[in-house]
Amino acid sequence: MWAERTRRMHCGVRCGFRKDDVAMFRPVVVGRIFFVLLSAACGYWLARGNAASPTPQAYSEAINTAVVAFVLSLLMVVFEYSLRTVSYKRLFLASLGLLFGLVVSLMVYGSIPPSVIQDPRAARIVCNFLFGYLGMIIALKHADQINLSSLRFIVANPDGAQAKILDTSVIIDGRIREMLPMGFVPGNILVPTFVIDELQMLADSSDMIKRGKGRRGLGILEALQQEYSSLQVVEKNYPDLPDVDRKLLEMAKETNAQIITNDFNLQKVASLHKVHVLNLNELADMLKPPVFVGETFTLNMIREGKEAGQGVGYLDDGTMVVVDDGRQFLNREIEVVVTSILQTNTGRMVFARPLTNSAAGQPVATGSGKRASA
């Protein structure tokens, strides 16, 4: 099960359609059908046009040519569809390798003696196939050892934002799934295949805790592929580097990307390599509320609350503080203790109670803590 899920991650596809696939499904399918039908029609009319006279034999040859054109165009569409799982880097290198092989073929085929291949056209076709294939396969075979750091446009973003690479820890953490759809992380999100391999290794571990983390990470990554269209699975590996952290740093330097992680040690090492890291734990610390339950502070009672006995004050950042039994302290500064915090879409509201009684100066007993806005 988990091996199959990892295979889907490597391919960058799922059973079903992602949001961007649904948006592009109809025009792409219509274009493919139109190409296949147009190829068959062109094959038929070309064969009819080359016929000397409209005989039954010419009609039969035209039909056969149309069928051949239909099959060839269908194979071309199948080949084009299969390329969706190939990374841009490998397509680029395969094209360069094919071009180099054809150039070599151009220089070699003329030196083939007639005793080997008598027809010069046949010699050229054989050389083109042979050297074109060799050039393309050699380029793909050594793709991981080729550095394209000067060609960063391959993973560039249309809006100019830096790409972000997800670390294993941040995928397992899961908070990134909530952040991406909200637009707080601009740019393309890259998941290298060596990160997916590490998740699979954890999912197949004999240790129950590691196995749970690995399965959670694969599940979150699969959900992200369905929900977030800018996530890309990148075929990357660095066989000479021993661990995933070193591979992440090397990929970030190659693609001029940022790393999103929860790993404090990785962040420190990345700073030494001049690689920018976004740490979700640091972000969570910065987003913590300015006050917490049980905290005491001085508050100026400004006005009455809506409920009987309530007083209202404000923190320095404008957060409303509703104080039970605070009405008697209007226009005075008192010590209060936070009893609860209510977070809503419109902001945060703090509920508190006074620490002392206005008359006796004694601690006030904890009340029911009515929650009401001012």
Protein backbone atom coordinates (compact mmCIF):
# COMPACT_ATOMS: atom_id res chain seq x y z
CA MET A 1 0.00 0.00 0.00
CA TRP A 2 2.65 2.50 1.05
CA ALA A 3 4.96 1.46 -1.81
CA GLU A 4 2.12 2.17 -4.25
CA ARG A 5 1.47 5.55 -2.64
CA THR A 6 5.17 6.41 -2.94
CA ARG A 7 5.14 5.39 -6.60
CA ARG A 8 2.31 7.83 -7.21
CA MET A 9 4.31 10.56 -5.50
CA HIS A 10 7.29 9.87 -7.76
CA CYS A 11 5.09 10.14 -10.81
CA GLY A 12 3.50 13.32 -9.51
CA VAL A 13 0.01 12.06 -10.26
CA ARG A 14 -2.90 10.48 -8.44
CA CYS A 15 -5.78 8.22 -9.30
CA GLY A 16 -8.21 10.95 -10.34
CA PHE A 17 -7.63 14.55 -11.32
CA ARG A 18 -6.12 17.42 -9.41
CA LYS A 19 -7.66 20.87 -9.57
CA ASP A 20 -5.39 22.03 -12.39
CA ASP A 21 -5.99 18.75 -14.25
CA VAL A 22 -9.77 19.31 -14.10
CA ALA A 23 -9.35 22.88 -15.37
CA MET A 24 -7.26 21.71 -18.33
CA PHE A 25 -9.00 18.38 -18.99
CA ARG A 26 -11.48 19.36 -21.67
CA PRO A 27 -9.33 21.58 -23.94
CA VAL A 28 -6.39 19.16 -23.80
CA VAL A 29 -8.55 16.13 -24.61
CA VAL A 30 -10.31 18.01 -27.43
CA GLY A 31 -6.92 19.02 -28.83
CA ARG A 32 -5.67 15.45 -28.76
CA ILE A 33 -8.80 14.08 -30.45
CA PHE A 34 -8.62 16.80 -33.09
CA PHE A 35 -4.94 15.97 -33.77
CA VAL A 36 -5.65 12.25 -34.22
CA LEU A 37 -8.65 12.83 -36.52
CA LEU A 38 -6.81 15.48 -38.53
CA SER A 39 -3.84 13.15 -39.01
CA ALA A 40 -6.11 10.37 -40.29
CA ALA A 41 -7.91 12.77 -42.65
CA CYS A 42 -4.64 14.16 -43.99
CA GLY A 43 -3.34 10.65 -44.59
CA TYR A 44 -6.50 9.78 -46.53
CA TRP A 45 -6.53 12.90 -48.70
CA LEU A 46 -2.80 12.76 -49.42
CA ALA A 47 -3.14 9.16 -50.60
CA ARG A 48 -6.16 10.07 -52.74
CA GLY A 49 -4.33 13.05 -54.21
CA ASN A 50 -1.33 10.96 -55.20
CA ALA A 51 -3.50 8.41 -56.98
CA ALA A 52 -3.54 8.70 -60.77
CA SER A 53 -7.25 7.90 -60.99
CA PRO A 54 -10.10 7.26 -58.49
CA THR A 55 -10.09 3.49 -58.78
CA PRO A 56 -11.24 1.05 -56.09
CA GLN A 57 -7.59 0.15 -55.52
CA ALA A 58 -6.69 3.82 -54.93
CA TYR A 59 -9.61 4.12 -52.53
CA SER A 60 -8.40 1.06 -50.61
CA GLU A 61 -4.84 2.45 -50.42
CA ALA A 62 -6.20 5.75 -49.13
CA ILE A 63 -8.11 3.94 -46.40
CA ASN A 64 -4.98 1.99 -45.43
CA THR A 65 -2.93 5.20 -45.30
CA ALA A 66 -5.56 6.85 -43.10
CA VAL A 67 -5.46 3.90 -40.69
CA VAL A 68 -1.65 4.06 -40.52
CA ALA A 69 -1.78 7.82 -39.90
CA PHE A 70 -4.42 7.29 -37.21
CA VAL A 71 -2.31 4.66 -35.40
CA LEU A 72 0.88 6.75 -35.61
CA SER A 73 -0.86 9.87 -34.30
CA LEU A 74 -2.43 7.83 -31.50
CA LEU A 75 1.00 6.53 -30.52
CA MET A 76 2.28 10.11 -30.55
CA VAL A 77 -0.50 11.18 -28.17
CA VAL A 78 0.28 8.25 -25.85
CA PHE A 79 3.96 9.24 -25.88
CA GLU A 80 3.09 12.88 -25.16
CA TYR A 81 0.82 11.85 -22.28
CA SER A 82 3.54 9.69 -20.73
CA LEU A 83 5.90 12.70 -20.60
CA ARG A 84 3.78 14.27 -17.83
CA THR A 85 5.77 12.28 -15.24
CA VAL A 86 9.18 13.41 -16.55
CA SER A 87 10.85 16.41 -14.94
CA TYR A 88 11.68 19.53 -16.95
CA LYS A 89 15.37 18.97 -16.37
CA ARG A 90 15.32 15.49 -17.90
CA LEU A 91 13.30 16.69 -20.90
CA PHE A 92 15.80 19.49 -21.43
CA LEU A 93 18.81 17.18 -21.16
CA ALA A 94 17.19 14.55 -23.39
CA SER A 95 16.64 17.21 -26.08
CA LEU A 96 20.26 18.34 -25.82
CA GLY A 97 21.48 14.74 -26.00
CA LEU A 98 19.31 14.03 -29.05
CA LEU A 99 20.57 17.19 -30.77
CA PHE A 100 24.18 16.29 -30.03
CA GLY A 101 23.64 12.75 -31.35
CA LEU A 102 22.16 14.07 -34.61
CA VAL A 103 25.13 16.41 -35.07
CA VAL A 104 27.52 13.49 -34.59
CA SER A 105 25.44 11.44 -37.03
CA LEU A 106 25.75 14.20 -39.64
CA MET A 107 29.52 13.99 -39.42
CA VAL A 108 29.73 10.20 -39.36
CA TYR A 109 27.25 8.90 -41.94
CA GLY A 110 29.22 10.27 -44.89
CA SER A 111 32.26 8.19 -43.92
CA ILE A 112 30.37 4.88 -44.12
CA PRO A 113 31.75 2.98 -47.17
CA PRO A 114 29.26 1.85 -49.84
CA SER A 115 30.28 -1.75 -49.23
CA VAL A 116 28.57 -1.55 -45.80
CA ILE A 117 25.41 0.37 -46.76
CA GLN A 118 24.94 1.13 -50.43
CA ASP A 119 22.05 3.58 -50.15
CA PRO A 120 23.25 6.95 -48.67
CA ARG A 121 19.76 7.73 -47.39
CA ALA A 122 19.62 4.43 -45.53
CA ALA A 123 23.04 5.14 -44.03
CA ARG A 124 21.87 8.55 -42.83
CA ILE A 125 18.68 7.11 -41.29
CA VAL A 126 20.63 4.38 -39.47
CA CYS A 127 23.16 6.89 -38.11
CA ASN A 128 20.42 9.29 -37.01
CA PHE A 129 18.62 6.56 -35.09
CA LEU A 130 21.80 5.14 -33.56
CA PHE A 131 23.55 8.34 -32.46
CA GLY A 132 20.33 10.15 -31.59
CA TYR A 133 19.36 7.31 -29.27
CA LEU A 134 22.83 7.12 -27.71
CA GLY A 135 22.97 10.87 -27.11
CA MET A 136 19.54 10.95 -25.47
CA ILE A 137 20.13 7.88 -23.25
CA ILE A 138 23.56 9.06 -22.11
CA ALA A 139 22.16 12.47 -21.15
CA LEU A 140 19.31 10.88 -19.17
CA LYS A 141 21.61 8.35 -17.51
CA HIS A 142 23.85 11.09 -16.13
CA ALA A 143 21.14 13.69 -15.47
CA ASP A 144 21.67 13.61 -11.70
CA GLN A 145 25.36 14.47 -12.11
CA ILE A 146 24.69 17.49 -14.35
CA ASN A 147 24.42 20.85 -12.61
CA LEU A 148 21.94 23.30 -14.14
CA SER A 149 22.38 26.04 -11.55
CA SER A 150 22.90 28.61 -14.30
CA LEU A 151 19.60 27.60 -15.90
CA ARG A 152 17.29 28.39 -13.00
CA PHE A 153 14.44 29.21 -15.33
CA ILE A 154 13.65 25.48 -15.39
CA VAL A 155 12.07 25.73 -11.95
CA ALA A 156 11.35 29.45 -12.05
CA ASN A 157 8.02 30.87 -10.98
CA PRO A 158 5.90 33.07 -13.21
CA ASP A 159 5.50 35.65 -10.44
CA GLY A 160 9.23 35.78 -9.74
CA ALA A 161 8.96 34.33 -6.22
CA GLN A 162 11.59 31.88 -5.03
CA ALA A 163 10.67 28.22 -5.13
CA LYS A 164 10.29 26.44 -1.76
CA ILE A 165 11.63 22.93 -1.02
CA LEU A 166 9.80 20.89 1.60
CA ASP A 167 11.85 19.01 4.17
CA THR A 168 10.76 15.64 5.54
CA SER A 169 10.10 17.06 9.01
CA VAL A 170 7.76 19.79 7.79
CA ILE A 171 5.71 17.31 5.75
CA ILE A 172 5.26 15.02 8.75
CA ASP A 173 4.40 18.05 10.94
CA GLY A 174 1.36 18.73 8.74
CA ARG A 175 0.91 22.46 9.40
CA ILE A 176 2.18 23.24 5.91
CA ARG A 177 -1.03 21.73 4.53
CA GLU A 178 -3.03 24.52 6.17
CA MET A 179 -0.62 27.27 5.12
CA LEU A 180 -0.27 26.59 1.39
CA PRO A 181 -3.92 27.09 0.32
CA MET A 182 -4.03 30.38 2.28
CA GLY A 183 -1.34 31.92 0.06
CA PHE A 184 1.17 32.64 2.83
CA VAL A 185 3.89 30.71 0.96
CA PRO A 186 4.27 32.16 -2.55
CA GLY A 187 6.06 30.40 -5.38
CA ASN A 188 6.27 26.80 -6.53
CA ILE A 189 6.53 24.11 -3.86
CA LEU A 190 9.12 21.45 -4.72
CA VAL A 191 9.26 17.96 -3.22
CA PRO A 192 12.40 16.08 -4.32
CA THR A 193 12.18 12.34 -4.79
CA PHE A 194 14.83 11.68 -2.14
CA VAL A 195 12.48 13.21 0.46
CA ILE A 196 9.70 10.85 -0.70
CA ASP A 197 12.16 7.95 -0.46
CA GLU A 198 12.92 8.90 3.14
CA LEU A 199 9.21 8.99 3.94
CA GLN A 200 8.77 5.54 2.43
CA MET A 201 11.73 4.25 4.43
CA LEU A 202 10.08 5.55 7.60
CA ALA A 203 6.72 4.05 6.60
CA ASP A 204 8.36 0.64 6.12
CA SER A 205 10.31 0.84 9.40
CA SER A 206 9.89 -1.85 12.06
CA ASP A 207 9.73 0.87 14.71
CA MET A 208 6.09 1.76 15.38
CA ILE A 209 6.75 5.49 15.97
CA LYS A 210 8.83 5.89 12.79
CA ARG A 211 6.30 3.90 10.81
CA GLY A 212 3.49 6.18 11.99
CA LYS A 213 5.47 9.30 11.04
CA GLY A 214 6.25 7.95 7.59
CA ARG A 215 2.65 7.02 6.85
CA ARG A 216 1.42 10.37 8.13
CA GLY A 217 3.92 12.18 5.89
CA LEU A 218 2.92 10.23 2.78
CA GLY A 219 -0.75 10.86 3.51
CA ILE A 220 -0.20 14.60 3.92
CA LEU A 221 1.89 14.80 0.77
CA GLU A 222 -0.75 12.92 -1.20
CA ALA A 223 -3.42 15.34 0.04
CA LEU A 224 -1.23 18.32 -0.88
CA GLN A 225 -0.89 17.04 -4.44
CA GLN A 226 -4.65 16.99 -4.75
CA GLU A 227 -5.32 20.34 -3.07
CA TYR A 228 -2.37 22.51 -4.13
CA SER A 229 -1.68 22.87 -7.85
CA SER A 230 1.78 24.52 -7.49
CA LEU A 231 3.31 21.48 -5.77
CA GLN A 232 5.81 19.70 -8.01
CA VAL A 233 7.56 16.37 -7.47
CA VAL A 234 11.11 16.86 -8.76
CA GLU A 235 13.27 13.92 -9.81
CA LYS A 236 16.43 14.70 -7.92
CA ASN A 237 19.12 12.61 -6.31
CA TYR A 238 22.73 13.10 -5.33
CA PRO A 239 24.35 9.65 -4.98
CA ASP A 240 27.61 11.14 -3.75
CA LEU A 241 25.95 12.88 -0.77
CA PRO A 242 25.32 10.71 2.31
CA ASP A 243 22.21 12.20 3.91
CA VAL A 244 19.00 14.00 3.02
CA ASP A 245 20.03 17.29 4.66
CA ARG A 246 23.10 17.62 2.44
CA LYS A 247 20.99 16.81 -0.61
CA LEU A 248 18.45 19.49 0.35
CA LEU A 249 21.21 22.10 0.66
CA GLU A 250 22.71 21.13 -2.69
CA MET A 251 19.33 21.28 -4.44
CA ALA A 252 18.54 24.65 -2.85
CA LYS A 253 21.83 26.08 -4.11
CA GLU A 254 21.24 24.63 -7.59
CA THR A 255 17.74 26.02 -7.98
CA ASN A 256 18.14 29.17 -5.86
CA ALA A 257 15.25 27.95 -3.71
CA GLN A 258 14.37 28.24 -0.03
CA ILE A 259 13.97 25.29 2.34
CA ILE A 260 10.92 24.95 4.59
CA THR A 261 11.73 22.86 7.66
CA ASN A 262 11.24 22.33 11.38
CA ASP A 263 14.81 21.11 11.88
CA PHE A 264 16.81 23.62 13.94
CA ASN A 265 20.14 21.93 13.12
CA LEU A 266 19.42 22.00 9.39
CA GLN A 267 18.65 25.70 9.68
CA LYS A 268 22.03 26.38 11.34
CA VAL A 269 23.95 24.39 8.73
CA ALA A 270 22.02 26.09 5.91
CA SER A 271 22.97 29.53 7.24
CA LEU A 272 26.64 28.53 6.91
CA HIS A 273 25.99 27.59 3.27
CA LYS A 274 24.14 30.88 2.62
CA VAL A 275 20.86 29.02 1.99
CA HIS A 276 17.68 30.72 3.18
CA VAL A 277 15.52 28.53 5.46
CA LEU A 278 11.95 29.11 6.63
CA ASN A 279 11.41 27.45 10.02
CA LEU A 280 7.75 26.83 10.87
CA ASN A 281 8.52 26.55 14.58
CA GLU A 282 9.97 30.07 14.58
CA LEU A 283 6.90 31.30 12.73
CA ALA A 284 4.64 29.65 15.31
CA ASP A 285 6.57 31.33 18.12
CA MET A 286 6.11 34.73 16.49
CA LEU A 287 2.37 34.11 16.08
CA LYS A 288 1.79 33.18 19.71
CA PRO A 289 -0.75 35.41 21.48
CA PRO A 290 0.70 38.30 23.53
CA VAL A 291 -0.97 36.93 26.67
CA PHE A 292 -1.76 33.43 27.92
CA VAL A 293 -4.10 31.87 30.45
CA GLY A 294 -2.85 32.49 33.99
CA GLU A 295 -0.73 35.52 33.11
CA THR A 296 -1.13 38.63 35.29
CA PHE A 297 -0.69 42.22 34.12
CA THR A 298 -1.84 45.76 34.85
CA LEU A 299 -4.93 46.95 32.96
CA ASN A 300 -6.77 50.28 32.86
CA MET A 301 -10.55 49.85 33.14
CA ILE A 302 -11.92 52.18 30.45
CA ARG A 303 -15.64 51.41 30.26
CA GLU A 304 -18.41 49.09 31.33
CA GLY A 305 -19.13 45.76 29.68
CA LYS A 306 -22.46 44.51 28.37
CA GLU A 307 -23.00 42.09 31.25
CA ALA A 308 -23.61 43.20 34.83
CA GLY A 309 -20.41 43.92 36.73
CA GLN A 310 -18.10 43.64 33.71
CA GLY A 311 -15.38 46.13 32.90
CA VAL A 312 -13.48 46.53 29.64
CA GLY A 313 -9.89 47.47 28.96
CA TYR A 314 -7.49 47.16 26.03
CA LEU A 315 -3.97 45.82 25.55
CA ASP A 316 -1.31 47.86 23.77
CA ASP A 317 -2.10 46.10 20.46
CA GLY A 318 -5.83 46.92 20.75
CA THR A 319 -6.97 43.51 21.99
CA MET A 320 -10.14 43.79 24.08
CA VAL A 321 -9.98 42.49 27.65
CA VAL A 322 -13.30 41.76 29.37
CA VAL A 323 -12.88 41.70 33.17
CA ASP A 324 -15.52 40.02 35.33
CA ASP A 325 -16.36 42.14 38.39
CA GLY A 326 -14.28 44.92 36.86
CA ARG A 327 -16.98 47.56 36.70
CA GLN A 328 -16.15 48.82 40.21
CA PHE A 329 -12.62 49.69 39.00
CA LEU A 330 -13.60 52.07 36.17
CA ASN A 331 -10.93 54.65 35.28
CA ARG A 332 -8.41 52.84 37.47
CA GLU A 333 -5.44 50.57 36.83
CA ILE A 334 -5.68 47.16 38.47
CA GLU A 335 -3.91 43.84 38.38
CA VAL A 336 -5.86 41.17 36.47
CA VAL A 337 -5.28 37.49 35.71
CA VAL A 338 -6.25 35.94 32.37
CA THR A 339 -8.90 33.23 32.70
CA SER A 340 -9.53 32.40 29.02
CA ILE A 341 -8.79 33.55 25.46
CA LEU A 342 -11.31 33.46 22.61
CA GLN A 343 -9.87 33.43 19.07
CA THR A 344 -12.26 34.30 16.21
CA ASN A 345 -11.95 35.19 12.54
CA THR A 346 -12.29 38.85 13.43
CA GLY A 347 -9.63 38.84 16.13
CA ARG A 348 -8.84 37.81 19.68
CA MET A 349 -10.77 38.52 22.91
CA VAL A 350 -9.27 38.04 26.38
CA PHE A 351 -11.30 37.32 29.52
CA ALA A 352 -9.86 38.08 32.95
CA ARG A 353 -10.74 38.76 36.57
CA PRO A 354 -9.26 41.24 39.07
CA LEU A 355 -6.69 40.02 41.54
CA THR A 356 -7.85 42.32 44.41
CA ASN A 357 -11.12 43.57 45.85
CA SER A 358 -11.57 47.34 45.73
CA ALA A 359 -12.79 47.59 49.32
CA ALA A 360 -10.72 45.13 51.30
CA GLY A 361 -7.78 44.64 48.96
CA GLN A 362 -8.16 40.87 49.30
CA PRO A 363 -7.88 38.31 46.51
CA VAL A 364 -11.14 37.79 44.66
CA ALA A 365 -12.43 34.23 44.34
CA THR A 366 -12.59 32.78 40.84
CA GLY A 367 -16.08 33.32 39.46
CA SER A 368 -18.02 31.78 36.63
CA GLY A 369 -16.31 34.01 34.07
CA LYS A 370 -19.23 35.21 31.95
CA ARG A 371 -18.17 35.77 28.35
CA ALA A 372 -19.68 38.85 26.81
CA SER A 373 -18.45 41.49 24.49
CA ALA A 374 -18.23 45.07 25.61
